[in-house]
Amino acid sequence: MMDYSNKTNLSCVYDAFERAGLPVDESILNGVTIDDVFSLLERYGYTVYREGANVILPSDEGFFVIRTPQNEFAHAEYHISPEGVADYPSESICAIAIKAV
């Protein structure tokens, strides 16, 4: 069961950031590269665990799932629970970002 949803049909990154309460602007609607997503998340206080890292998904706070990018653009989702993420093929996830404590 998916616990996220897109509000725009233009940018999943915009929707994910907005859902997480992070700043968004019109430039994000045009797509964001994977490197820029990682950089922005780190700037906003998230730890980005790249592919291959062992991560325990938090059950009491939201987190980002960055799926395998299309070309150089990122596909990001903001989840509020780990349910559903376990159903993703592991090769489709290139990073998980969790708020640093």
C-alpha atoms as a PDB file:
ATOM      1  CA  MET A   1       0.000   0.000   0.000  1.00  0.00           C
ATOM      2  CA  MET A   2       1.444   3.347  -1.040  1.00  0.00           C
ATOM      3  CA  ASP A   3       1.261   6.179   1.452  1.00  0.00           C
ATOM      4  CA  TYR A   4       2.355   8.957  -0.875  1.00  0.00           C
ATOM      5  CA  SER A   5       0.640  10.731  -3.720  1.00  0.00           C
ATOM      6  CA  ASN A   6       1.632  13.322  -6.262  1.00  0.00           C
ATOM      7  CA  LYS A   7      -0.274  16.592  -6.398  1.00  0.00           C
ATOM      8  CA  THR A   8       1.214  17.799  -9.675  1.00  0.00           C
ATOM      9  CA  ASN A   9       1.736  15.943 -12.899  1.00  0.00           C
ATOM     10  CA  LEU A  10       5.059  17.689 -13.468  1.00  0.00           C
ATOM     11  CA  SER A  11       7.485  16.796 -10.705  1.00  0.00           C
ATOM     12  CA  CYS A  12       7.527  14.049  -8.130  1.00  0.00           C
ATOM     13  CA  VAL A  13      10.458  15.837  -6.441  1.00  0.00           C
ATOM     14  CA  TYR A  14       8.329  18.983  -5.997  1.00  0.00           C
ATOM     15  CA  ASP A  15       5.508  16.917  -4.516  1.00  0.00           C
ATOM     16  CA  ALA A  16       7.833  14.950  -2.219  1.00  0.00           C
ATOM     17  CA  PHE A  17       9.572  18.072  -0.909  1.00  0.00           C
ATOM     18  CA  GLU A  18       6.269  19.876  -0.389  1.00  0.00           C
ATOM     19  CA  ARG A  19       4.812  16.893   1.483  1.00  0.00           C
ATOM     20  CA  ALA A  20       7.881  16.831   3.744  1.00  0.00           C
ATOM     21  CA  GLY A  21       7.512  20.553   4.469  1.00  0.00           C
ATOM     22  CA  LEU A  22      10.698  21.484   2.626  1.00  0.00           C
ATOM     23  CA  PRO A  23      10.981  24.678   0.574  1.00  0.00           C
ATOM     24  CA  VAL A  24       9.882  24.350  -3.048  1.00  0.00           C
ATOM     25  CA  ASP A  25       9.931  26.738  -5.959  1.00  0.00           C
ATOM     26  CA  GLU A  26       8.937  26.733  -9.616  1.00  0.00           C
ATOM     27  CA  SER A  27      12.396  25.586 -10.757  1.00  0.00           C
ATOM     28  CA  ILE A  28      11.810  22.199  -9.156  1.00  0.00           C
ATOM     29  CA  LEU A  29       8.777  21.684 -11.387  1.00  0.00           C
ATOM     30  CA  ASN A  30      11.084  21.289 -14.383  1.00  0.00           C
ATOM     31  CA  GLY A  31      12.817  18.225 -12.947  1.00  0.00           C
ATOM     32  CA  VAL A  32      15.803  17.901 -10.652  1.00  0.00           C
ATOM     33  CA  THR A  33      18.966  15.904 -11.244  1.00  0.00           C
ATOM     34  CA  ILE A  34      19.819  13.104  -8.867  1.00  0.00           C
ATOM     35  CA  ASP A  35      22.919  14.945  -7.616  1.00  0.00           C
ATOM     36  CA  ASP A  36      20.867  18.082  -6.906  1.00  0.00           C
ATOM     37  CA  VAL A  37      18.279  16.064  -4.966  1.00  0.00           C
ATOM     38  CA  PHE A  38      21.007  14.521  -2.810  1.00  0.00           C
ATOM     39  CA  SER A  39      22.588  17.944  -2.245  1.00  0.00           C
ATOM     40  CA  LEU A  40      19.278  19.606  -1.330  1.00  0.00           C
ATOM     41  CA  LEU A  41      18.303  16.832   1.060  1.00  0.00           C
ATOM     42  CA  GLU A  42      21.666  17.012   2.808  1.00  0.00           C
ATOM     43  CA  ARG A  43      21.362  20.800   3.041  1.00  0.00           C
ATOM     44  CA  TYR A  44      17.931  20.386   4.668  1.00  0.00           C
ATOM     45  CA  GLY A  45      19.317  18.047   7.325  1.00  0.00           C
ATOM     46  CA  TYR A  46      18.771  14.602   5.835  1.00  0.00           C
ATOM     47  CA  THR A  47      21.290  11.796   5.775  1.00  0.00           C
ATOM     48  CA  VAL A  48      21.334  10.195   2.341  1.00  0.00           C
ATOM     49  CA  TYR A  49      22.029   6.470   2.320  1.00  0.00           C
ATOM     50  CA  ARG A  50      23.077   5.444  -1.155  1.00  0.00           C
ATOM     51  CA  GLU A  51      22.439   2.123  -2.853  1.00  0.00           C
ATOM     52  CA  GLY A  52      23.902  -0.792  -0.954  1.00  0.00           C
ATOM     53  CA  ALA A  53      23.706   0.799   2.505  1.00  0.00           C
ATOM     54  CA  ASN A  54      21.863  -1.074   5.247  1.00  0.00           C
ATOM     55  CA  VAL A  55      19.046   1.172   6.407  1.00  0.00           C
ATOM     56  CA  ILE A  56      16.332   0.674   8.994  1.00  0.00           C
ATOM     57  CA  LEU A  57      13.328   2.650   7.846  1.00  0.00           C
ATOM     58  CA  PRO A  58      11.840   4.847  10.569  1.00  0.00           C
ATOM     59  CA  SER A  59       8.314   4.040  11.625  1.00  0.00           C
ATOM     60  CA  ASP A  60       7.709   7.272  13.530  1.00  0.00           C
ATOM     61  CA  GLU A  61       8.791   9.905  10.989  1.00  0.00           C
ATOM     62  CA  GLY A  62       8.755  10.403   7.249  1.00  0.00           C
ATOM     63  CA  PHE A  63      11.614   9.621   4.913  1.00  0.00           C
ATOM     64  CA  PHE A  64      12.505   9.950   1.255  1.00  0.00           C
ATOM     65  CA  VAL A  65      12.889   7.110  -1.213  1.00  0.00           C
ATOM     66  CA  ILE A  66      14.852   8.046  -4.291  1.00  0.00           C
ATOM     67  CA  ARG A  67      14.123   5.564  -7.033  1.00  0.00           C
ATOM     68  CA  THR A  68      16.296   4.726  -9.995  1.00  0.00           C
ATOM     69  CA  PRO A  69      16.595   7.938 -12.011  1.00  0.00           C
ATOM     70  CA  GLN A  70      15.254   8.379 -15.507  1.00  0.00           C
ATOM     71  CA  ASN A  71      18.210   9.737 -17.489  1.00  0.00           C
ATOM     72  CA  GLU A  72      19.823  12.130 -15.015  1.00  0.00           C
ATOM     73  CA  PHE A  73      16.568  13.208 -13.349  1.00  0.00           C
ATOM     74  CA  ALA A  74      15.597  11.931  -9.931  1.00  0.00           C
ATOM     75  CA  HIS A  75      12.388  10.239  -8.916  1.00  0.00           C
ATOM     76  CA  ALA A  76      11.713  11.031  -5.269  1.00  0.00           C
ATOM     77  CA  GLU A  77       8.900   9.963  -2.967  1.00  0.00           C
ATOM     78  CA  TYR A  78       8.206  11.052   0.598  1.00  0.00           C
ATOM     79  CA  HIS A  79       6.786   8.234   2.687  1.00  0.00           C
ATOM     80  CA  ILE A  80       5.257   8.537   6.138  1.00  0.00           C
ATOM     81  CA  SER A  81       5.608   4.834   6.953  1.00  0.00           C
ATOM     82  CA  PRO A  82       7.729   1.912   5.763  1.00  0.00           C
ATOM     83  CA  GLU A  83       4.665   0.027   4.536  1.00  0.00           C
ATOM     84  CA  GLY A  84       4.757  -0.534   0.820  1.00  0.00           C
ATOM     85  CA  VAL A  85       8.443   0.292   0.438  1.00  0.00           C
ATOM     86  CA  ALA A  86       9.348  -3.306   1.230  1.00  0.00           C
ATOM     87  CA  ASP A  87       7.401  -4.281  -1.891  1.00  0.00           C
ATOM     88  CA  TYR A  88       9.791  -2.319  -4.133  1.00  0.00           C
ATOM     89  CA  PRO A  89      12.443  -4.352  -5.933  1.00  0.00           C
ATOM     90  CA  SER A  90      15.714  -3.470  -4.205  1.00  0.00           C
ATOM     91  CA  GLU A  91      17.337  -2.607  -7.523  1.00  0.00           C
ATOM     92  CA  SER A  92      14.740   0.151  -8.057  1.00  0.00           C
ATOM     93  CA  ILE A  93      15.905   2.130  -4.998  1.00  0.00           C
ATOM     94  CA  CYS A  94      19.078   4.158  -5.396  1.00  0.00           C
ATOM     95  CA  ALA A  95      18.909   5.991  -2.041  1.00  0.00           C
ATOM     96  CA  ILE A  96      16.972   6.514   1.186  1.00  0.00           C
ATOM     97  CA  ALA A  97      17.096   9.861   2.990  1.00  0.00           C
ATOM     98  CA  ILE A  98      16.256  10.084   6.686  1.00  0.00           C
ATOM     99  CA  LYS A  99      16.166  13.225   8.793  1.00  0.00           C
ATOM    100  CA  ALA A 100      19.423  13.451  10.747  1.00  0.00           C
ATOM    101  CA  VAL A 101      19.073  13.575  14.517  1.00  0.00           C
END
